[in-house]
Amino acid sequence: PTLTKNYHYEVELVAALNKGGKNIPF
């Protein structure tokens, strides 16, 4: 990308949701 001289990687697990809600219990 532009504007940077220190470009970093971060590997991550991604969770995708198909249901929503507010104040979801654990």
mmCIF file of all heavy atoms, coordinates in Angstrom:
data_MODEL
# 
_entry.id   MODEL 
# 
loop_
_atom_site.group_PDB 
_atom_site.id 
_atom_site.type_symbol 
_atom_site.label_atom_id 
_atom_site.label_alt_id 
_atom_site.label_comp_id 
_atom_site.label_asym_id 
_atom_site.label_entity_id 
_atom_site.label_seq_id 
_atom_site.pdbx_PDB_ins_code 
_atom_site.Cartn_x 
_atom_site.Cartn_y 
_atom_site.Cartn_z 
_atom_site.occupancy 
_atom_site.B_iso_or_equiv 
_atom_site.pdbx_formal_charge 
_atom_site.auth_seq_id 
_atom_site.auth_comp_id 
_atom_site.auth_asym_id 
_atom_site.auth_atom_id 
_atom_site.pdbx_PDB_model_num 
ATOM 1   N N   . PRO A 1 1  ? 0.810   -1.225  0.000  1.00 0.00 ? 1  PRO A N   1 
ATOM 2   C CA  . PRO A 1 1  ? 0.000   0.000   0.000  1.00 0.00 ? 1  PRO A CA  1 
ATOM 3   C C   . PRO A 1 1  ? 0.842   1.273   0.000  1.00 0.00 ? 1  PRO A C   1 
ATOM 4   O O   . PRO A 1 1  ? 2.043   1.258   0.290  1.00 0.00 ? 1  PRO A O   1 
ATOM 5   C CB  . PRO A 1 1  ? -0.800  -0.122  1.296  1.00 0.00 ? 1  PRO A CB  1 
ATOM 6   C CG  . PRO A 1 1  ? 0.106   -0.903  2.196  1.00 0.00 ? 1  PRO A CG  1 
ATOM 7   C CD  . PRO A 1 1  ? 0.809   -1.889  1.309  1.00 0.00 ? 1  PRO A CD  1 
ATOM 8   N N   . THR A 1 2  ? 0.193   2.370   -0.285 1.00 0.00 ? 2  THR A N   1 
ATOM 9   C CA  . THR A 1 2  ? 0.822   3.680   -0.243 1.00 0.00 ? 2  THR A CA  1 
ATOM 10  C C   . THR A 1 2  ? 1.004   4.145   1.201  1.00 0.00 ? 2  THR A C   1 
ATOM 11  O O   . THR A 1 2  ? 0.430   3.580   2.134  1.00 0.00 ? 2  THR A O   1 
ATOM 12  C CB  . THR A 1 2  ? -0.035  4.715   -0.992 1.00 0.00 ? 2  THR A CB  1 
ATOM 13  O OG1 . THR A 1 2  ? -1.327  4.772   -0.367 1.00 0.00 ? 2  THR A OG1 1 
ATOM 14  C CG2 . THR A 1 2  ? -0.200  4.331   -2.455 1.00 0.00 ? 2  THR A CG2 1 
ATOM 15  N N   . LEU A 1 3  ? 1.828   5.154   1.386  1.00 0.00 ? 3  LEU A N   1 
ATOM 16  C CA  . LEU A 1 3  ? 1.990   5.916   2.625  1.00 0.00 ? 3  LEU A CA  1 
ATOM 17  C C   . LEU A 1 3  ? 2.748   5.195   3.731  1.00 0.00 ? 3  LEU A C   1 
ATOM 18  O O   . LEU A 1 3  ? 2.945   5.749   4.814  1.00 0.00 ? 3  LEU A O   1 
ATOM 19  C CB  . LEU A 1 3  ? 0.628   6.379   3.180  1.00 0.00 ? 3  LEU A CB  1 
ATOM 20  C CG  . LEU A 1 3  ? -0.259  7.201   2.248  1.00 0.00 ? 3  LEU A CG  1 
ATOM 21  C CD1 . LEU A 1 3  ? -1.561  7.575   2.972  1.00 0.00 ? 3  LEU A CD1 1 
ATOM 22  C CD2 . LEU A 1 3  ? 0.458   8.453   1.778  1.00 0.00 ? 3  LEU A CD2 1 
ATOM 23  N N   . THR A 1 4  ? 3.189   3.969   3.514  1.00 0.00 ? 4  THR A N   1 
ATOM 24  C CA  . THR A 1 4  ? 3.844   3.214   4.583  1.00 0.00 ? 4  THR A CA  1 
ATOM 25  C C   . THR A 1 4  ? 5.227   2.733   4.172  1.00 0.00 ? 4  THR A C   1 
ATOM 26  O O   . THR A 1 4  ? 5.483   2.468   2.991  1.00 0.00 ? 4  THR A O   1 
ATOM 27  C CB  . THR A 1 4  ? 2.992   2.008   5.010  1.00 0.00 ? 4  THR A CB  1 
ATOM 28  O OG1 . THR A 1 4  ? 3.624   1.346   6.116  1.00 0.00 ? 4  THR A OG1 1 
ATOM 29  C CG2 . THR A 1 4  ? 2.834   1.007   3.871  1.00 0.00 ? 4  THR A CG2 1 
ATOM 30  N N   . LYS A 1 5  ? 6.092   2.594   5.181  1.00 0.00 ? 5  LYS A N   1 
ATOM 31  C CA  . LYS A 1 5  ? 7.401   1.971   4.999  1.00 0.00 ? 5  LYS A CA  1 
ATOM 32  C C   . LYS A 1 5  ? 7.587   0.828   5.986  1.00 0.00 ? 5  LYS A C   1 
ATOM 33  O O   . LYS A 1 5  ? 8.693   0.319   6.142  1.00 0.00 ? 5  LYS A O   1 
ATOM 34  C CB  . LYS A 1 5  ? 8.510   3.019   5.181  1.00 0.00 ? 5  LYS A CB  1 
ATOM 35  C CG  . LYS A 1 5  ? 8.498   4.115   4.118  1.00 0.00 ? 5  LYS A CG  1 
ATOM 36  C CD  . LYS A 1 5  ? 9.632   5.107   4.326  1.00 0.00 ? 5  LYS A CD  1 
ATOM 37  C CE  . LYS A 1 5  ? 9.615   6.192   3.256  1.00 0.00 ? 5  LYS A CE  1 
ATOM 38  N NZ  . LYS A 1 5  ? 10.700  7.194   3.461  1.00 0.00 ? 5  LYS A NZ  1 
ATOM 39  N N   . ASN A 1 6  ? 6.496   0.434   6.630  1.00 0.00 ? 6  ASN A N   1 
ATOM 40  C CA  . ASN A 1 6  ? 6.558   -0.637  7.628  1.00 0.00 ? 6  ASN A CA  1 
ATOM 41  C C   . ASN A 1 6  ? 5.245   -1.408  7.586  1.00 0.00 ? 6  ASN A C   1 
ATOM 42  O O   . ASN A 1 6  ? 4.349   -1.198  8.405  1.00 0.00 ? 6  ASN A O   1 
ATOM 43  C CB  . ASN A 1 6  ? 6.801   -0.051  9.020  1.00 0.00 ? 6  ASN A CB  1 
ATOM 44  C CG  . ASN A 1 6  ? 7.181   -1.102  10.041 1.00 0.00 ? 6  ASN A CG  1 
ATOM 45  O OD1 . ASN A 1 6  ? 7.594   -2.208  9.701  1.00 0.00 ? 6  ASN A OD1 1 
ATOM 46  N ND2 . ASN A 1 6  ? 7.046   -0.763  11.322 1.00 0.00 ? 6  ASN A ND2 1 
ATOM 47  N N   . TYR A 1 7  ? 5.143   -2.332  6.621  1.00 0.00 ? 7  TYR A N   1 
ATOM 48  C CA  . TYR A 1 7  ? 3.902   -3.043  6.329  1.00 0.00 ? 7  TYR A CA  1 
ATOM 49  C C   . TYR A 1 7  ? 3.937   -4.411  6.992  1.00 0.00 ? 7  TYR A C   1 
ATOM 50  O O   . TYR A 1 7  ? 4.831   -5.225  6.705  1.00 0.00 ? 7  TYR A O   1 
ATOM 51  C CB  . TYR A 1 7  ? 3.758   -3.169  4.812  1.00 0.00 ? 7  TYR A CB  1 
ATOM 52  C CG  . TYR A 1 7  ? 2.391   -3.614  4.339  1.00 0.00 ? 7  TYR A CG  1 
ATOM 53  C CD1 . TYR A 1 7  ? 1.230   -3.140  4.918  1.00 0.00 ? 7  TYR A CD1 1 
ATOM 54  C CD2 . TYR A 1 7  ? 2.270   -4.497  3.268  1.00 0.00 ? 7  TYR A CD2 1 
ATOM 55  C CE1 . TYR A 1 7  ? -0.016  -3.530  4.463  1.00 0.00 ? 7  TYR A CE1 1 
ATOM 56  C CE2 . TYR A 1 7  ? 1.030   -4.894  2.799  1.00 0.00 ? 7  TYR A CE2 1 
ATOM 57  C CZ  . TYR A 1 7  ? -0.108  -4.406  3.408  1.00 0.00 ? 7  TYR A CZ  1 
ATOM 58  O OH  . TYR A 1 7  ? -1.340  -4.793  2.943  1.00 0.00 ? 7  TYR A OH  1 
ATOM 59  N N   . HIS A 1 8  ? 2.986   -4.686  7.896  1.00 0.00 ? 8  HIS A N   1 
ATOM 60  C CA  . HIS A 1 8  ? 3.025   -5.884  8.724  1.00 0.00 ? 8  HIS A CA  1 
ATOM 61  C C   . HIS A 1 8  ? 1.924   -6.886  8.391  1.00 0.00 ? 8  HIS A C   1 
ATOM 62  O O   . HIS A 1 8  ? 0.818   -6.527  7.998  1.00 0.00 ? 8  HIS A O   1 
ATOM 63  C CB  . HIS A 1 8  ? 2.866   -5.492  10.200 1.00 0.00 ? 8  HIS A CB  1 
ATOM 64  C CG  . HIS A 1 8  ? 4.128   -5.021  10.834 1.00 0.00 ? 8  HIS A CG  1 
ATOM 65  N ND1 . HIS A 1 8  ? 4.390   -5.163  12.183 1.00 0.00 ? 8  HIS A ND1 1 
ATOM 66  C CD2 . HIS A 1 8  ? 5.218   -4.413  10.307 1.00 0.00 ? 8  HIS A CD2 1 
ATOM 67  C CE1 . HIS A 1 8  ? 5.572   -4.651  12.470 1.00 0.00 ? 8  HIS A CE1 1 
ATOM 68  N NE2 . HIS A 1 8  ? 6.098   -4.184  11.345 1.00 0.00 ? 8  HIS A NE2 1 
ATOM 69  N N   . TYR A 1 9  ? 2.245   -8.159  8.620  1.00 0.00 ? 9  TYR A N   1 
ATOM 70  C CA  . TYR A 1 9  ? 1.309   -9.279  8.497  1.00 0.00 ? 9  TYR A CA  1 
ATOM 71  C C   . TYR A 1 9  ? 0.739   -9.623  9.872  1.00 0.00 ? 9  TYR A C   1 
ATOM 72  O O   . TYR A 1 9  ? 1.394   -9.438  10.898 1.00 0.00 ? 9  TYR A O   1 
ATOM 73  C CB  . TYR A 1 9  ? 2.015   -10.516 7.927  1.00 0.00 ? 9  TYR A CB  1 
ATOM 74  C CG  . TYR A 1 9  ? 3.272   -10.874 8.691  1.00 0.00 ? 9  TYR A CG  1 
ATOM 75  C CD1 . TYR A 1 9  ? 3.215   -11.507 9.934  1.00 0.00 ? 9  TYR A CD1 1 
ATOM 76  C CD2 . TYR A 1 9  ? 4.529   -10.551 8.187  1.00 0.00 ? 9  TYR A CD2 1 
ATOM 77  C CE1 . TYR A 1 9  ? 4.359   -11.813 10.653 1.00 0.00 ? 9  TYR A CE1 1 
ATOM 78  C CE2 . TYR A 1 9  ? 5.683   -10.851 8.896  1.00 0.00 ? 9  TYR A CE2 1 
ATOM 79  C CZ  . TYR A 1 9  ? 5.594   -11.480 10.122 1.00 0.00 ? 9  TYR A CZ  1 
ATOM 80  O OH  . TYR A 1 9  ? 6.733   -11.763 10.841 1.00 0.00 ? 9  TYR A OH  1 
ATOM 81  N N   . GLU A 1 10 ? -0.491  -10.142 9.889  1.00 0.00 ? 10 GLU A N   1 
ATOM 82  C CA  . GLU A 1 10 ? -1.115  -10.699 11.092 1.00 0.00 ? 10 GLU A CA  1 
ATOM 83  C C   . GLU A 1 10 ? -2.060  -11.809 10.650 1.00 0.00 ? 10 GLU A C   1 
ATOM 84  O O   . GLU A 1 10 ? -3.112  -11.538 10.072 1.00 0.00 ? 10 GLU A O   1 
ATOM 85  C CB  . GLU A 1 10 ? -1.892  -9.631  11.880 1.00 0.00 ? 10 GLU A CB  1 
ATOM 86  C CG  . GLU A 1 10 ? -1.045  -8.482  12.397 1.00 0.00 ? 10 GLU A CG  1 
ATOM 87  C CD  . GLU A 1 10 ? -1.826  -7.514  13.283 1.00 0.00 ? 10 GLU A CD  1 
ATOM 88  O OE1 . GLU A 1 10 ? -2.986  -7.842  13.641 1.00 0.00 ? 10 GLU A OE1 1 
ATOM 89  O OE2 . GLU A 1 10 ? -1.275  -6.447  13.603 1.00 0.00 ? 10 GLU A OE2 1 
ATOM 90  N N   . VAL A 1 11 ? -1.722  -13.066 10.903 1.00 0.00 ? 11 VAL A N   1 
ATOM 91  C CA  . VAL A 1 11 ? -2.582  -14.181 10.524 1.00 0.00 ? 11 VAL A CA  1 
ATOM 92  C C   . VAL A 1 11 ? -3.699  -14.350 11.548 1.00 0.00 ? 11 VAL A C   1 
ATOM 93  O O   . VAL A 1 11 ? -3.475  -14.203 12.752 1.00 0.00 ? 11 VAL A O   1 
ATOM 94  C CB  . VAL A 1 11 ? -1.765  -15.488 10.383 1.00 0.00 ? 11 VAL A CB  1 
ATOM 95  C CG1 . VAL A 1 11 ? -1.096  -15.883 11.701 1.00 0.00 ? 11 VAL A CG1 1 
ATOM 96  C CG2 . VAL A 1 11 ? -2.650  -16.621 9.869  1.00 0.00 ? 11 VAL A CG2 1 
ATOM 97  N N   . GLU A 1 12 ? -4.919  -14.657 11.071 1.00 0.00 ? 12 GLU A N   1 
ATOM 98  C CA  . GLU A 1 12 ? -6.054  -14.735 11.988 1.00 0.00 ? 12 GLU A CA  1 
ATOM 99  C C   . GLU A 1 12 ? -7.099  -15.753 11.517 1.00 0.00 ? 12 GLU A C   1 
ATOM 100 O O   . GLU A 1 12 ? -7.290  -15.959 10.315 1.00 0.00 ? 12 GLU A O   1 
ATOM 101 C CB  . GLU A 1 12 ? -6.736  -13.361 12.122 1.00 0.00 ? 12 GLU A CB  1 
ATOM 102 C CG  . GLU A 1 12 ? -5.752  -12.240 12.412 1.00 0.00 ? 12 GLU A CG  1 
ATOM 103 C CD  . GLU A 1 12 ? -6.362  -11.027 13.068 1.00 0.00 ? 12 GLU A CD  1 
ATOM 104 O OE1 . GLU A 1 12 ? -7.559  -11.070 13.423 1.00 0.00 ? 12 GLU A OE1 1 
ATOM 105 O OE2 . GLU A 1 12 ? -5.613  -10.042 13.227 1.00 0.00 ? 12 GLU A OE2 1 
ATOM 106 N N   . LEU A 1 13 ? -7.784  -16.347 12.483 1.00 0.00 ? 13 LEU A N   1 
ATOM 107 C CA  . LEU A 1 13 ? -9.001  -17.107 12.216 1.00 0.00 ? 13 LEU A CA  1 
ATOM 108 C C   . LEU A 1 13 ? -10.143 -16.118 12.057 1.00 0.00 ? 13 LEU A C   1 
ATOM 109 O O   . LEU A 1 13 ? -10.246 -15.150 12.811 1.00 0.00 ? 13 LEU A O   1 
ATOM 110 C CB  . LEU A 1 13 ? -9.296  -18.049 13.381 1.00 0.00 ? 13 LEU A CB  1 
ATOM 111 C CG  . LEU A 1 13 ? -10.617 -18.833 13.318 1.00 0.00 ? 13 LEU A CG  1 
ATOM 112 C CD1 . LEU A 1 13 ? -10.569 -19.890 12.229 1.00 0.00 ? 13 LEU A CD1 1 
ATOM 113 C CD2 . LEU A 1 13 ? -10.918 -19.475 14.682 1.00 0.00 ? 13 LEU A CD2 1 
ATOM 114 N N   . VAL A 1 14 ? -11.013 -16.360 11.060 1.00 0.00 ? 14 VAL A N   1 
ATOM 115 C CA  . VAL A 1 14 ? -12.150 -15.476 10.817 1.00 0.00 ? 14 VAL A CA  1 
ATOM 116 C C   . VAL A 1 14 ? -13.448 -16.261 11.005 1.00 0.00 ? 14 VAL A C   1 
ATOM 117 O O   . VAL A 1 14 ? -13.605 -17.355 10.446 1.00 0.00 ? 14 VAL A O   1 
ATOM 118 C CB  . VAL A 1 14 ? -12.103 -14.892 9.391  1.00 0.00 ? 14 VAL A CB  1 
ATOM 119 C CG1 . VAL A 1 14 ? -13.259 -13.907 9.186  1.00 0.00 ? 14 VAL A CG1 1 
ATOM 120 C CG2 . VAL A 1 14 ? -10.764 -14.211 9.126  1.00 0.00 ? 14 VAL A CG2 1 
ATOM 121 N N   . ALA A 1 15 ? -14.354 -15.718 11.795 1.00 0.00 ? 15 ALA A N   1 
ATOM 122 C CA  . ALA A 1 15 ? -15.677 -16.318 11.990 1.00 0.00 ? 15 ALA A CA  1 
ATOM 123 C C   . ALA A 1 15 ? -16.701 -15.532 11.181 1.00 0.00 ? 15 ALA A C   1 
ATOM 124 O O   . ALA A 1 15 ? -16.706 -14.297 11.209 1.00 0.00 ? 15 ALA A O   1 
ATOM 125 C CB  . ALA A 1 15 ? -16.061 -16.319 13.463 1.00 0.00 ? 15 ALA A CB  1 
ATOM 126 N N   . ALA A 1 16 ? -17.567 -16.245 10.459 1.00 0.00 ? 16 ALA A N   1 
ATOM 127 C CA  . ALA A 1 16 ? -18.602 -15.624 9.620  1.00 0.00 ? 16 ALA A CA  1 
ATOM 128 C C   . ALA A 1 16 ? -19.975 -15.942 10.211 1.00 0.00 ? 16 ALA A C   1 
ATOM 129 O O   . ALA A 1 16 ? -20.289 -17.111 10.474 1.00 0.00 ? 16 ALA A O   1 
ATOM 130 C CB  . ALA A 1 16 ? -18.499 -16.144 8.190  1.00 0.00 ? 16 ALA A CB  1 
ATOM 131 N N   . LEU A 1 17 ? -20.798 -14.921 10.406 1.00 0.00 ? 17 LEU A N   1 
ATOM 132 C CA  . LEU A 1 17 ? -22.090 -15.085 11.087 1.00 0.00 ? 17 LEU A CA  1 
ATOM 133 C C   . LEU A 1 17 ? -23.253 -15.131 10.097 1.00 0.00 ? 17 LEU A C   1 
ATOM 134 O O   . LEU A 1 17 ? -23.263 -14.388 9.116  1.00 0.00 ? 17 LEU A O   1 
ATOM 135 C CB  . LEU A 1 17 ? -22.326 -13.931 12.063 1.00 0.00 ? 17 LEU A CB  1 
ATOM 136 C CG  . LEU A 1 17 ? -21.215 -13.593 13.059 1.00 0.00 ? 17 LEU A CG  1 
ATOM 137 C CD1 . LEU A 1 17 ? -21.708 -12.535 14.045 1.00 0.00 ? 17 LEU A CD1 1 
ATOM 138 C CD2 . LEU A 1 17 ? -20.724 -14.827 13.799 1.00 0.00 ? 17 LEU A CD2 1 
ATOM 139 N N   . ASN A 1 18 ? -24.226 -15.991 10.374 1.00 0.00 ? 18 ASN A N   1 
ATOM 140 C CA  . ASN A 1 18 ? -25.464 -16.014 9.585  1.00 0.00 ? 18 ASN A CA  1 
ATOM 141 C C   . ASN A 1 18 ? -26.700 -15.753 10.444 1.00 0.00 ? 18 ASN A C   1 
ATOM 142 O O   . ASN A 1 18 ? -27.823 -15.833 9.976  1.00 0.00 ? 18 ASN A O   1 
ATOM 143 C CB  . ASN A 1 18 ? -25.632 -17.350 8.850  1.00 0.00 ? 18 ASN A CB  1 
ATOM 144 C CG  . ASN A 1 18 ? -25.831 -18.523 9.786  1.00 0.00 ? 18 ASN A CG  1 
ATOM 145 O OD1 . ASN A 1 18 ? -25.572 -18.424 10.983 1.00 0.00 ? 18 ASN A OD1 1 
ATOM 146 N ND2 . ASN A 1 18 ? -26.276 -19.645 9.252  1.00 0.00 ? 18 ASN A ND2 1 
ATOM 147 N N   . LYS A 1 19 ? -26.455 -15.422 11.715 1.00 0.00 ? 19 LYS A N   1 
ATOM 148 C CA  . LYS A 1 19 ? -27.531 -15.006 12.614 1.00 0.00 ? 19 LYS A CA  1 
ATOM 149 C C   . LYS A 1 19 ? -27.050 -13.790 13.391 1.00 0.00 ? 19 LYS A C   1 
ATOM 150 O O   . LYS A 1 19 ? -25.862 -13.680 13.693 1.00 0.00 ? 19 LYS A O   1 
ATOM 151 C CB  . LYS A 1 19 ? -27.892 -16.129 13.596 1.00 0.00 ? 19 LYS A CB  1 
ATOM 152 C CG  . LYS A 1 19 ? -28.577 -17.338 12.967 1.00 0.00 ? 19 LYS A CG  1 
ATOM 153 C CD  . LYS A 1 19 ? -28.715 -18.473 13.977 1.00 0.00 ? 19 LYS A CD  1 
ATOM 154 C CE  . LYS A 1 19 ? -29.526 -18.076 15.201 1.00 0.00 ? 19 LYS A CE  1 
ATOM 155 N NZ  . LYS A 1 19 ? -29.655 -19.206 16.173 1.00 0.00 ? 19 LYS A NZ  1 
ATOM 156 N N   . GLY A 1 20 ? -27.965 -12.892 13.688 1.00 0.00 ? 20 GLY A N   1 
ATOM 157 C CA  . GLY A 1 20 ? -27.602 -11.700 14.435 1.00 0.00 ? 20 GLY A CA  1 
ATOM 158 C C   . GLY A 1 20 ? -28.241 -11.661 15.799 1.00 0.00 ? 20 GLY A C   1 
ATOM 159 O O   . GLY A 1 20 ? -28.863 -12.620 16.252 1.00 0.00 ? 20 GLY A O   1 
ATOM 160 N N   . GLY A 1 21 ? -28.081 -10.522 16.451 1.00 0.00 ? 21 GLY A N   1 
ATOM 161 C CA  . GLY A 1 21 ? -28.704 -10.360 17.755 1.00 0.00 ? 21 GLY A CA  1 
ATOM 162 C C   . GLY A 1 21 ? -27.995 -9.326  18.596 1.00 0.00 ? 21 GLY A C   1 
ATOM 163 O O   . GLY A 1 21 ? -26.903 -8.869  18.257 1.00 0.00 ? 21 GLY A O   1 
ATOM 164 N N   . LYS A 1 22 ? -28.639 -8.970  19.694 1.00 0.00 ? 22 LYS A N   1 
ATOM 165 C CA  . LYS A 1 22 ? -28.115 -8.014  20.658 1.00 0.00 ? 22 LYS A CA  1 
ATOM 166 C C   . LYS A 1 22 ? -28.018 -8.706  22.006 1.00 0.00 ? 22 LYS A C   1 
ATOM 167 O O   . LYS A 1 22 ? -28.887 -9.505  22.373 1.00 0.00 ? 22 LYS A O   1 
ATOM 168 C CB  . LYS A 1 22 ? -29.056 -6.807  20.737 1.00 0.00 ? 22 LYS A CB  1 
ATOM 169 C CG  . LYS A 1 22 ? -28.596 -5.685  21.636 1.00 0.00 ? 22 LYS A CG  1 
ATOM 170 C CD  . LYS A 1 22 ? -27.532 -4.821  20.995 1.00 0.00 ? 22 LYS A CD  1 
ATOM 171 C CE  . LYS A 1 22 ? -27.240 -3.601  21.870 1.00 0.00 ? 22 LYS A CE  1 
ATOM 172 N NZ  . LYS A 1 22 ? -26.065 -2.852  21.403 1.00 0.00 ? 22 LYS A NZ  1 
ATOM 173 N N   . ASN A 1 23 ? -26.920 -8.459  22.723 1.00 0.00 ? 23 ASN A N   1 
ATOM 174 C CA  . ASN A 1 23 ? -26.707 -9.077  24.039 1.00 0.00 ? 23 ASN A CA  1 
ATOM 175 C C   . ASN A 1 23 ? -26.862 -10.600 23.963 1.00 0.00 ? 23 ASN A C   1 
ATOM 176 O O   . ASN A 1 23 ? -27.628 -11.216 24.720 1.00 0.00 ? 23 ASN A O   1 
ATOM 177 C CB  . ASN A 1 23 ? -27.675 -8.485  25.069 1.00 0.00 ? 23 ASN A CB  1 
ATOM 178 C CG  . ASN A 1 23 ? -27.422 -7.008  25.307 1.00 0.00 ? 23 ASN A CG  1 
ATOM 179 O OD1 . ASN A 1 23 ? -26.280 -6.587  25.441 1.00 0.00 ? 23 ASN A OD1 1 
ATOM 180 N ND2 . ASN A 1 23 ? -28.484 -6.217  25.340 1.00 0.00 ? 23 ASN A ND2 1 
ATOM 181 N N   . ILE A 1 24 ? -26.132 -11.192 23.063 1.00 0.00 ? 24 ILE A N   1 
ATOM 182 C CA  . ILE A 1 24 ? -26.188 -12.638 22.842 1.00 0.00 ? 24 ILE A CA  1 
ATOM 183 C C   . ILE A 1 24 ? -25.549 -13.359 24.028 1.00 0.00 ? 24 ILE A C   1 
ATOM 184 O O   . ILE A 1 24 ? -24.419 -13.044 24.416 1.00 0.00 ? 24 ILE A O   1 
ATOM 185 C CB  . ILE A 1 24 ? -25.465 -13.011 21.540 1.00 0.00 ? 24 ILE A CB  1 
ATOM 186 C CG1 . ILE A 1 24 ? -26.159 -12.336 20.347 1.00 0.00 ? 24 ILE A CG1 1 
ATOM 187 C CG2 . ILE A 1 24 ? -25.392 -14.518 21.357 1.00 0.00 ? 24 ILE A CG2 1 
ATOM 188 C CD1 . ILE A 1 24 ? -25.368 -12.395 19.052 1.00 0.00 ? 24 ILE A CD1 1 
ATOM 189 N N   . PRO A 1 25 ? -26.241 -14.333 24.629 1.00 0.00 ? 25 PRO A N   1 
ATOM 190 C CA  . PRO A 1 25 ? -25.652 -15.065 25.761 1.00 0.00 ? 25 PRO A CA  1 
ATOM 191 C C   . PRO A 1 25 ? -24.547 -16.012 25.296 1.00 0.00 ? 25 PRO A C   1 
ATOM 192 O O   . PRO A 1 25 ? -24.565 -16.504 24.167 1.00 0.00 ? 25 PRO A O   1 
ATOM 193 C CB  . PRO A 1 25 ? -26.838 -15.836 26.342 1.00 0.00 ? 25 PRO A CB  1 
ATOM 194 C CG  . PRO A 1 25 ? -27.793 -15.982 25.204 1.00 0.00 ? 25 PRO A CG  1 
ATOM 195 C CD  . PRO A 1 25 ? -27.622 -14.750 24.363 1.00 0.00 ? 25 PRO A CD  1 
ATOM 196 N N   . PHE A 1 26 ? -23.586 -16.256 26.167 1.00 0.00 ? 26 PHE A N   1 
ATOM 197 C CA  . PHE A 1 26 ? -22.429 -17.077 25.826 1.00 0.00 ? 26 PHE A CA  1 
ATOM 198 C C   . PHE A 1 26 ? -22.841 -18.454 25.300 1.00 0.00 ? 26 PHE A C   1 
ATOM 199 O O   . PHE A 1 26 ? -22.297 -18.942 24.307 1.00 0.00 ? 26 PHE A O   1 
ATOM 200 C CB  . PHE A 1 26 ? -21.519 -17.227 27.045 1.00 0.00 ? 26 PHE A CB  1 
ATOM 201 C CG  . PHE A 1 26 ? -20.356 -18.153 26.812 1.00 0.00 ? 26 PHE A CG  1 
ATOM 202 C CD1 . PHE A 1 26 ? -19.220 -17.719 26.156 1.00 0.00 ? 26 PHE A CD1 1 
ATOM 203 C CD2 . PHE A 1 26 ? -20.402 -19.472 27.245 1.00 0.00 ? 26 PHE A CD2 1 
ATOM 204 C CE1 . PHE A 1 26 ? -18.151 -18.570 25.924 1.00 0.00 ? 26 PHE A CE1 1 
ATOM 205 C CE2 . PHE A 1 26 ? -19.339 -20.335 27.028 1.00 0.00 ? 26 PHE A CE2 1 
ATOM 206 C CZ  . PHE A 1 26 ? -18.203 -19.884 26.358 1.00 0.00 ? 26 PHE A CZ  1 
# 
